[in-house]
Protein backbone atom coordinates (compact mmCIF):
# COMPACT_ATOMS: atom_id res chain seq x y z
CA MET A 1 51.70 83.79 90.64
CA THR A 2 48.51 84.06 92.68
CA THR A 3 46.34 80.96 92.99
CA ARG A 4 42.59 81.75 92.65
CA TYR A 5 41.04 79.09 94.85
CA HIS A 6 37.58 80.41 94.40
CA ASP A 7 37.58 79.00 90.97
CA SER A 8 36.59 75.64 92.40
CA ARG A 9 33.73 74.62 94.67
CA GLU A 10 36.22 72.81 96.91
CA LEU A 11 39.61 73.70 98.37
CA LEU A 12 41.75 70.81 99.64
CA ILE A 13 44.09 71.47 102.52
CA ALA A 14 46.74 68.83 103.21
CA CYS A 15 48.15 68.84 106.79
CA THR A 16 51.40 66.93 106.94
CA ASP A 17 54.28 66.02 109.11
CA ALA A 18 56.41 65.41 105.95
CA GLY A 19 60.00 64.61 106.49
CA ASP A 20 59.36 61.69 108.78
CA ASP A 21 57.86 58.57 107.21
CA PRO A 22 58.13 58.99 103.46
CA ASP A 23 54.53 58.15 102.85
CA ASP A 24 53.66 61.79 103.47
CA ALA A 25 55.90 62.82 100.61
CA VAL A 26 54.36 60.25 98.31
CA ALA A 27 50.91 61.63 99.18
CA LEU A 28 52.10 65.12 98.29
CA ALA A 29 53.42 63.86 94.89
CA LEU A 30 50.13 62.20 94.24
CA LEU A 31 48.31 65.48 95.04
CA ALA A 32 50.60 67.46 92.91
CA PHE A 33 49.85 65.22 89.87
CA THR A 34 46.09 64.94 90.40
CA THR A 35 44.74 68.06 92.02
CA PRO A 36 44.80 71.51 90.45
CA GLU A 37 44.34 73.57 93.60
CA PHE A 38 45.39 72.77 97.14
CA ALA A 39 47.41 74.20 100.08
CA VAL A 40 49.76 72.52 102.55
CA LEU A 41 49.88 73.17 106.20
CA THR A 42 52.70 71.42 108.25
CA THR A 43 52.12 69.97 111.61
CA ASP A 44 54.51 68.94 114.45
CA GLU A 45 56.82 71.60 113.14
CA TYR A 46 60.43 72.07 114.13
CA SER A 47 61.90 75.41 115.37
CA ASP A 48 63.85 75.78 112.09
CA TYR A 49 60.67 75.08 110.04
CA ARG A 50 62.39 72.18 108.37
CA ARG A 51 59.06 70.49 107.48
CA ALA A 52 57.85 73.56 105.62
CA ALA A 53 61.25 73.92 103.93
CA PHE A 54 61.23 70.33 102.84
CA VAL A 55 57.65 70.51 101.55
CA ARG A 56 58.30 73.82 99.60
CA TYR A 57 61.40 72.36 97.91
CA PHE A 58 59.70 69.09 97.09
CA LEU A 59 56.65 70.82 95.55
CA ASP A 60 58.90 72.98 93.51
CA LEU A 61 60.58 69.90 92.10
CA LEU A 62 57.10 68.50 91.37
CA GLY A 63 56.40 71.55 89.18
CA ARG A 64 53.98 73.00 91.75
CA PRO A 65 55.45 76.43 92.89
CA ASP A 66 51.75 77.72 92.90
CA VAL A 67 50.90 75.67 95.98
CA PRO A 68 51.09 77.65 99.29
CA VAL A 69 53.01 75.99 102.12
CA ILE A 70 52.16 77.34 105.60
CA PRO A 71 54.34 76.34 108.59
CA GLY A 72 52.35 74.86 111.45
CA GLU A 73 52.81 75.24 115.20
CA VAL A 74 56.32 74.58 116.40
CA THR A 75 56.18 71.59 118.70
CA GLY A 76 59.84 70.46 118.33
CA GLY A 77 59.27 67.42 116.11
CA ARG A 78 58.60 64.21 117.89
CA LYS A 79 61.21 62.02 116.12
CA HIS A 80 61.65 59.91 113.03
CA TRP A 81 63.22 62.68 110.83
CA ALA A 82 64.43 61.10 107.62
CA ALA A 83 65.08 64.05 105.22
CA GLU A 84 68.41 65.32 106.53
CA GLY A 85 70.09 67.37 103.91
CA LEU A 86 67.47 66.79 101.25
CA ALA A 87 66.14 70.43 101.11
CA PRO A 88 67.74 73.91 101.54
CA SER A 89 67.33 75.20 105.12
CA ARG A 90 64.76 77.95 105.71
CA ARG A 91 64.26 80.20 108.65
CA ASP A 92 61.63 82.63 107.40
CA GLY A 93 58.56 80.54 108.37
CA ARG A 94 56.09 82.12 110.69
CA ARG A 95 52.88 81.10 112.47
CA VAL A 96 49.77 82.78 111.02
CA GLY A 97 46.31 83.12 112.46
CA TRP A 98 43.51 81.05 110.90
CA GLN A 99 41.60 84.13 109.68
CA SER A 100 44.79 85.44 107.94
CA PHE A 101 45.35 81.92 106.50
CA LEU A 102 41.84 81.95 104.93
CA THR A 103 42.19 85.49 103.68
CA GLY A 104 45.61 84.80 102.17
CA LEU A 105 44.14 81.79 100.25
CA SER A 106 41.18 83.91 98.93
CA VAL A 107 38.79 81.24 100.17
CA ASP A 108 35.16 81.84 99.13
CA PRO A 109 33.06 81.62 102.36
CA GLU A 110 30.67 79.26 100.49
CA GLN A 111 33.47 77.00 99.34
CA ARG A 112 33.61 73.51 100.77
CA LEU A 113 36.86 72.73 102.62
CA LEU A 114 38.45 69.27 102.29
CA TRP A 115 41.01 68.42 104.92
CA ALA A 116 43.52 65.71 104.28
CA GLY A 117 45.13 64.82 107.64
CA PHE A 118 48.48 63.12 107.30
CA GLY A 119 49.78 63.89 110.71
CA PRO A 120 48.83 64.83 114.30
CA MET A 121 45.57 66.79 114.56
CA THR A 122 47.16 69.85 116.18
CA GLU A 123 46.51 72.17 113.29
CA LEU A 124 42.92 70.87 112.63
CA ALA A 125 41.95 71.41 116.32
CA TRP A 126 43.50 74.94 116.07
CA MET A 127 41.59 75.76 112.82
CA LEU A 128 38.27 74.72 114.32
CA SER A 129 38.70 76.27 117.69
CA SER A 130 40.10 79.52 116.24
CA ASP A 131 37.08 79.93 113.97
CA VAL A 132 34.58 79.19 116.61
CA THR A 133 36.03 81.95 118.85
CA ALA A 134 36.73 84.47 116.03
CA GLN A 135 34.98 87.86 115.95
CA SER A 136 33.70 87.03 112.48
CA PRO A 137 33.62 83.23 112.17
CA ALA A 138 33.98 81.84 108.58
CA GLY A 139 31.68 78.82 109.35
CA VAL A 140 34.60 76.36 109.01
CA LEU A 141 33.03 73.66 111.08
CA ASP A 142 30.02 73.41 108.94
CA ARG A 143 31.67 73.39 105.57
CA THR A 144 34.65 71.16 106.25
CA LYS A 145 34.98 67.55 105.49
CA VAL A 146 37.87 65.77 107.14
CA VAL A 147 39.57 62.49 106.01
CA GLN A 148 42.23 61.82 108.63
CA MET A 149 44.77 59.07 108.63
CA GLY A 150 44.90 57.89 112.25
CA GLY A 151 43.54 55.69 114.97
CA TRP A 152 43.10 51.96 115.34
CA TYR A 153 40.32 49.93 116.77
CA ARG A 154 40.63 46.21 116.27
CA THR A 155 44.25 45.50 115.44
CA TYR A 156 47.51 47.40 115.78
CA ARG A 157 51.17 46.38 115.83
CA ASP A 158 51.37 47.57 119.52
CA PRO A 159 47.95 47.26 121.24
CA SER A 160 49.44 48.91 124.46
CA ARG A 161 49.52 52.40 122.73
CA ALA A 162 47.54 54.60 120.42
CA GLU A 163 48.25 54.94 116.76
CA HIS A 164 51.01 57.59 116.09
CA ASN A 165 48.87 60.47 114.72
CA LEU A 166 46.45 60.26 117.66
CA ARG A 167 49.20 59.45 120.25
CA ALA A 168 51.23 62.58 119.13
CA ASP A 169 48.53 65.05 120.25
CA PRO A 170 45.61 63.16 121.94
CA ARG A 171 43.99 66.41 123.26
CA ALA A 172 43.68 67.77 119.72
CA ALA A 173 42.40 64.42 118.52
CA ARG A 174 39.70 64.46 121.19
CA TYR A 175 38.71 67.97 120.47
CA VAL A 176 38.23 67.18 116.75
CA VAL A 177 36.19 64.06 117.47
CA ASP A 178 34.02 66.02 119.91
CA SER A 179 33.67 69.03 117.63
CA GLY A 180 30.94 67.65 115.41
CA VAL A 181 32.99 68.18 112.20
CA ASP A 182 32.28 65.79 109.34
CA LEU A 183 35.03 63.33 110.22
CA THR A 184 36.30 60.17 108.47
CA LEU A 185 39.18 58.22 110.07
CA VAL A 186 41.28 55.93 107.80
CA LEU A 187 42.39 53.52 110.55
CA SER A 188 45.70 51.77 110.85
CA ASP A 189 43.62 48.60 110.83
CA THR A 190 43.23 49.33 106.99
CA THR A 191 46.67 50.83 106.31
CA TRP A 192 49.06 48.68 108.21
CA ARG A 193 49.16 46.03 105.55
CA THR A 194 51.99 44.30 103.63
CA GLU A 195 49.97 44.87 100.32
CA ILE A 196 50.82 48.59 100.51
CA ALA A 197 54.28 48.33 101.99
CA VAL A 198 57.25 50.02 100.18
CA HIS A 199 60.79 48.59 100.62
CA ARG A 200 63.85 48.25 98.50
CA ASP A 201 62.53 45.21 96.56
CA SER A 202 58.96 46.75 96.07
CA GLU A 203 57.60 47.90 92.70
CA ILE A 204 57.09 51.42 93.88
CA TYR A 205 60.70 51.78 95.13
CA ARG A 206 62.09 50.31 91.91
CA LEU A 207 59.93 52.57 89.79
CA LEU A 208 61.23 55.59 91.60
CA ALA A 209 64.82 54.38 91.65
CA ALA A 210 64.67 53.97 87.82
CA SER A 211 63.62 57.53 87.27
CA THR A 212 65.89 60.46 86.46
CA GLU A 213 63.24 63.06 87.58
CA PRO A 214 64.64 65.23 90.56
CA TRP A 215 61.47 64.76 92.60
CA ALA A 216 61.79 60.99 92.17
CA ARG A 217 65.49 61.00 93.17
CA LEU A 218 64.52 63.07 96.28
CA LEU A 219 61.94 60.38 97.10
CA VAL A 220 64.49 57.69 96.71
CA ALA A 221 66.92 59.43 98.99
CA HIS A 222 64.09 59.97 101.43
CA TYR A 223 63.26 56.34 101.53
CA ASP A 224 66.88 55.34 101.81
CA GLN A 225 67.31 57.49 104.95
CA TRP A 226 64.18 55.97 106.36
CA PHE A 227 65.31 52.37 105.70
CA GLN A 228 68.78 53.06 107.03
CA VAL A 229 67.84 54.89 110.31
CA TRP A 230 64.28 53.79 111.24
CA HIS A 231 62.59 50.90 109.57
CA SER A 232 63.09 48.52 106.66
CA SER A 233 59.78 49.36 105.03
CA SER A 234 57.02 52.03 104.97
CA ARG A 235 53.41 51.60 104.42
CA LEU A 236 51.44 54.01 102.16
CA HIS A 237 49.15 55.09 105.06
CA ASP A 238 48.71 58.68 103.90
CA PRO A 239 48.28 58.09 100.16
CA LEU A 240 45.44 55.63 101.02
CA ALA A 241 43.84 58.42 103.14
CA LEU A 242 44.26 60.77 100.17
CA TRP A 243 42.68 58.30 97.84
CA ALA A 244 39.70 57.97 100.16
CA LEU A 245 39.34 61.76 100.25
CA LEU A 246 39.57 62.23 96.49
CA ARG A 247 36.82 59.65 96.10
CA GLU A 248 34.71 61.65 98.56
CA SER A 249 34.99 64.85 96.69
CA GLU A 250 31.78 66.17 95.27
CA THR A 251 33.49 67.14 91.96
CA ILE A 252 34.76 63.60 91.20
CA LYS A 253 32.28 61.43 93.12
CA GLY A 254 31.31 59.64 89.87
CA SER A 255 34.78 58.06 89.64
CA GLY A 256 33.82 55.18 91.98
CA ARG A 257 34.67 54.16 95.46
CA TYR A 258 37.36 51.74 96.60
CA VAL A 259 37.36 52.30 100.37
CA ASP A 260 34.54 51.03 102.43
CA PHE A 261 33.39 52.78 105.66
CA GLU A 262 31.11 52.22 108.65
CA GLN A 263 29.96 54.51 111.46
CA LEU A 264 31.72 53.45 114.73
CA ASP A 265 30.89 54.39 118.29
CA PHE A 266 33.87 54.23 120.58
CA ARG A 267 35.56 55.71 123.78
CA MET A 268 38.84 57.57 123.43
CA GLU A 269 41.38 57.06 126.08
CA ALA A 270 43.64 59.84 127.43
CA ASP A 271 46.55 58.58 125.25
CA GLY A 272 44.35 58.57 122.10
CA ARG A 273 43.56 54.82 121.91
CA MET A 274 40.08 54.03 120.56
CA VAL A 275 38.30 51.37 122.68
CA SER A 276 34.84 49.90 123.01
CA GLY A 277 32.33 52.55 124.15
CA THR A 278 29.63 55.04 123.05
CA GLU A 279 30.84 58.53 124.03
CA CYS A 280 32.51 59.25 120.62
CA SER A 281 31.55 58.47 117.03
CA ALA A 282 33.19 58.67 113.71
CA ARG A 283 33.10 57.14 110.27
CA VAL A 284 35.93 54.73 109.92
CA SER A 285 37.52 52.69 107.26
CA VAL A 286 36.85 48.91 107.27
CA ALA A 287 38.18 47.68 103.94
CA THR A 288 39.73 48.68 100.60
CA ASP A 289 40.74 47.27 97.23
CA TYR A 290 44.58 47.23 97.73
CA ALA A 291 45.30 46.12 94.19
CA ALA A 292 43.36 48.98 92.74
CA PHE A 293 44.86 51.48 95.10
CA MET A 294 48.44 50.31 94.33
CA GLU A 295 47.73 50.55 90.53
CA TRP A 296 46.51 54.07 91.01
CA VAL A 297 49.74 54.96 92.85
CA ARG A 298 51.88 53.26 90.28
CA ALA A 299 50.16 54.71 87.25
CA THR A 300 50.33 58.21 88.72
CA LEU A 301 53.85 58.14 89.73
CA SER A 302 55.02 56.42 86.60
CA ALA A 303 53.40 59.17 84.50
CA GLY A 304 55.51 61.52 86.61
CA GLY A 305 54.74 65.04 85.59
CA PRO A 306 52.88 68.20 86.72
CA LEU A 307 49.12 68.56 86.66
CA GLY A 308 47.79 67.42 83.27
CA TRP A 309 50.37 64.62 82.84
CA ALA A 310 47.79 62.16 81.59
CA LEU A 311 46.42 64.66 78.97
CA THR A 312 49.55 64.26 76.89
CA ARG A 313 49.52 60.47 76.78
CA SER A 314 47.12 57.89 75.54
CA VAL A 315 45.43 55.68 78.12
CA GLU A 316 47.32 52.67 76.64
CA GLU A 317 50.66 54.42 77.25
CA VAL A 318 49.87 54.90 80.89
CA THR A 319 48.41 51.39 80.98
CA GLY A 320 45.54 49.72 82.81
CA PRO A 321 41.91 50.45 83.69
CA ILE A 322 42.95 52.43 86.83
CA ALA A 323 45.11 54.71 84.62
CA ALA A 324 42.07 55.33 82.49
CA ASP A 325 40.17 56.32 85.59
CA ALA A 326 43.08 58.69 86.49
CA LEU A 327 42.92 60.19 82.98
CA ALA A 328 39.25 60.98 83.48
CA LEU A 329 40.03 62.42 86.94
CA ASN A 330 42.63 64.78 85.59
CA GLU A 331 40.44 65.93 82.73
CA LEU A 332 37.62 66.63 85.23
CA LEU A 333 39.89 68.41 87.68
CA THR A 334 41.44 70.62 84.89
CA LYS A 335 38.03 71.72 83.76
CA LEU A 336 37.31 73.09 87.22
CA ARG A 337 39.59 76.05 86.39
CA GLU A 338 36.77 77.18 84.06
CA TYR A 339 33.99 76.45 86.62
């Protein structure tokens, strides 16, 4: 089935290093359940394209075989793989040029691009630089809005180093910051919080563990690998960035806003750390309503079905005022197919 992305005024592209911290996979599930049309580009890819294989398999389980998955640049994978044996292997991935990527997605040149950054900024820097130097530029810089999970400014668990997504490819991060693209950073200052932690005793994990849905079982296995091999908990960093991006969308801007931002001037060190200075500037997160965010995640995952899940149930069945907002969101996004 061919997806006609020009039916909407906006195309959302999710760039992910899924297969490491499970928060990427949760973000993809939330996308699958709330967003009619999007594409996925992997980043920090392995030579066997395991990230793309994992994402493709997971999206199929989520009932979204229509969503294109494009393998990103092979960089070898930097560590923290926690999806061993969870998806069939695949070796048919290949790198494509940005112009081919745009053509393949049938993107309208007037369409707004929403970039959800869930990993290193390698692919975003590639996209922007490739278009600038292309024979027939698509004007990507001027029509792209980026919401990127990454960076820290005031507090971090290890002040001696940069946040992971910026540290993984600091040159790409600096290129994006300097490019002039419409950039919002959802900082680790906002996401590294116990309020949005998932562990074996948390409500989100127990919700998934109680489900018989194949996609939920895969998520549980993914979390179990993460807990066993790497850390005893995982924060919902990327789902919070996604939430912020959905609230920034022109098509659903009336839904309200739960993430607060401010414009920040800073200096970026060679390793990607953001320190006091004036040579760089970006819009950054400063606060959020964690309870409202977690209720949105819970309500969306508990509904657990493909696009339009809320349309088959009453608001009371899904429960809560945030679920009512999710219902309105799904109705609005579904209508975009007729826009």
